[in-house]
């Protein structure tokens, strides 16, 4: 699976197709800390055809929540 970080629905150019979800989450949290009003999401693209996963950073509980 490869992961991309999105801010307000747009991919961050330097953070496209990361291979490790933990890295994507860490970088997304850093962006969220720097941009309080931004909505931060991660999209996971499978290597083989399958379901694409999406997470968004829920600031109320300070956790990543899986969405579909």
Protein backbone atom coordinates (compact mmCIF):
# COMPACT_ATOMS: atom_id res chain seq x y z
CA UNK A 1 0.00 0.00 0.00
CA UNK A 2 1.16 3.53 -0.68
CA UNK A 3 -0.10 6.57 1.19
CA UNK A 4 -0.63 10.22 0.27
CA UNK A 5 -1.21 13.09 2.69
CA UNK A 6 -3.92 15.59 1.72
CA UNK A 7 -4.57 19.04 3.16
CA UNK A 8 -8.03 20.47 2.54
CA UNK A 9 -8.59 17.77 -0.09
CA UNK A 10 -5.41 18.48 -2.08
CA UNK A 11 -2.34 16.22 -2.10
CA UNK A 12 0.83 17.59 -0.54
CA UNK A 13 3.41 17.32 -3.38
CA UNK A 14 6.30 16.15 -1.15
CA UNK A 15 4.13 13.57 0.63
CA UNK A 16 2.77 11.47 -2.24
CA UNK A 17 3.08 7.73 -2.21
CA UNK A 18 4.78 7.12 1.12
CA UNK A 19 5.26 3.41 1.81
CA UNK A 20 4.78 3.44 5.61
CA UNK A 21 1.46 4.48 7.16
CA UNK A 22 3.17 5.59 10.40
CA UNK A 23 5.30 8.06 8.39
CA UNK A 24 2.22 9.46 6.66
CA UNK A 25 0.43 9.87 10.00
CA UNK A 26 3.42 11.56 11.64
CA UNK A 27 3.85 14.01 8.76
CA UNK A 28 0.10 14.67 8.65
CA UNK A 29 0.08 15.45 12.38
CA UNK A 30 2.98 17.88 11.91
CA UNK A 31 1.05 19.67 9.14
CA UNK A 32 -2.06 19.78 11.34
CA UNK A 33 -0.07 21.32 14.20
CA UNK A 34 1.27 24.03 11.88
CA UNK A 35 -2.11 24.70 10.20
CA UNK A 36 -4.82 24.65 12.84
CA UNK A 37 -7.67 25.31 10.40
CA UNK A 38 -6.59 22.72 7.81
CA UNK A 39 -8.33 19.38 7.35
CA UNK A 40 -5.71 16.65 7.07
CA UNK A 41 -6.40 13.26 5.46
CA UNK A 42 -4.43 10.24 4.31
CA UNK A 43 -5.38 8.13 1.32
CA UNK A 44 -4.05 4.59 1.01
CA UNK A 45 -3.63 3.15 -2.47
CA UNK A 46 -3.32 -0.65 -2.71
CA UNK A 47 -0.52 -2.15 -4.80
CA UNK A 48 -3.04 -4.62 -6.29
CA UNK A 49 -6.62 -3.74 -7.28
CA UNK A 50 -8.68 -3.42 -4.13
CA UNK A 51 -10.28 -1.05 -1.66
CA UNK A 52 -8.66 2.36 -1.20
CA UNK A 53 -8.55 3.36 2.47
CA UNK A 54 -8.88 6.91 3.79
CA UNK A 55 -8.19 8.36 7.23
CA UNK A 56 -8.85 11.85 8.53
CA UNK A 57 -7.35 13.48 11.59
CA UNK A 58 -10.13 14.05 14.11
CA UNK A 59 -8.93 16.99 16.17
CA UNK A 60 -11.57 16.52 18.89
CA UNK A 61 -10.17 13.15 19.92
CA UNK A 62 -6.67 13.71 18.47
CA UNK A 63 -6.74 10.46 16.52
CA UNK A 64 -6.88 9.18 12.96
CA UNK A 65 -10.34 7.93 12.01
CA UNK A 66 -10.85 5.57 9.08
CA UNK A 67 -13.42 6.71 6.55
CA UNK A 68 -14.65 5.03 3.37
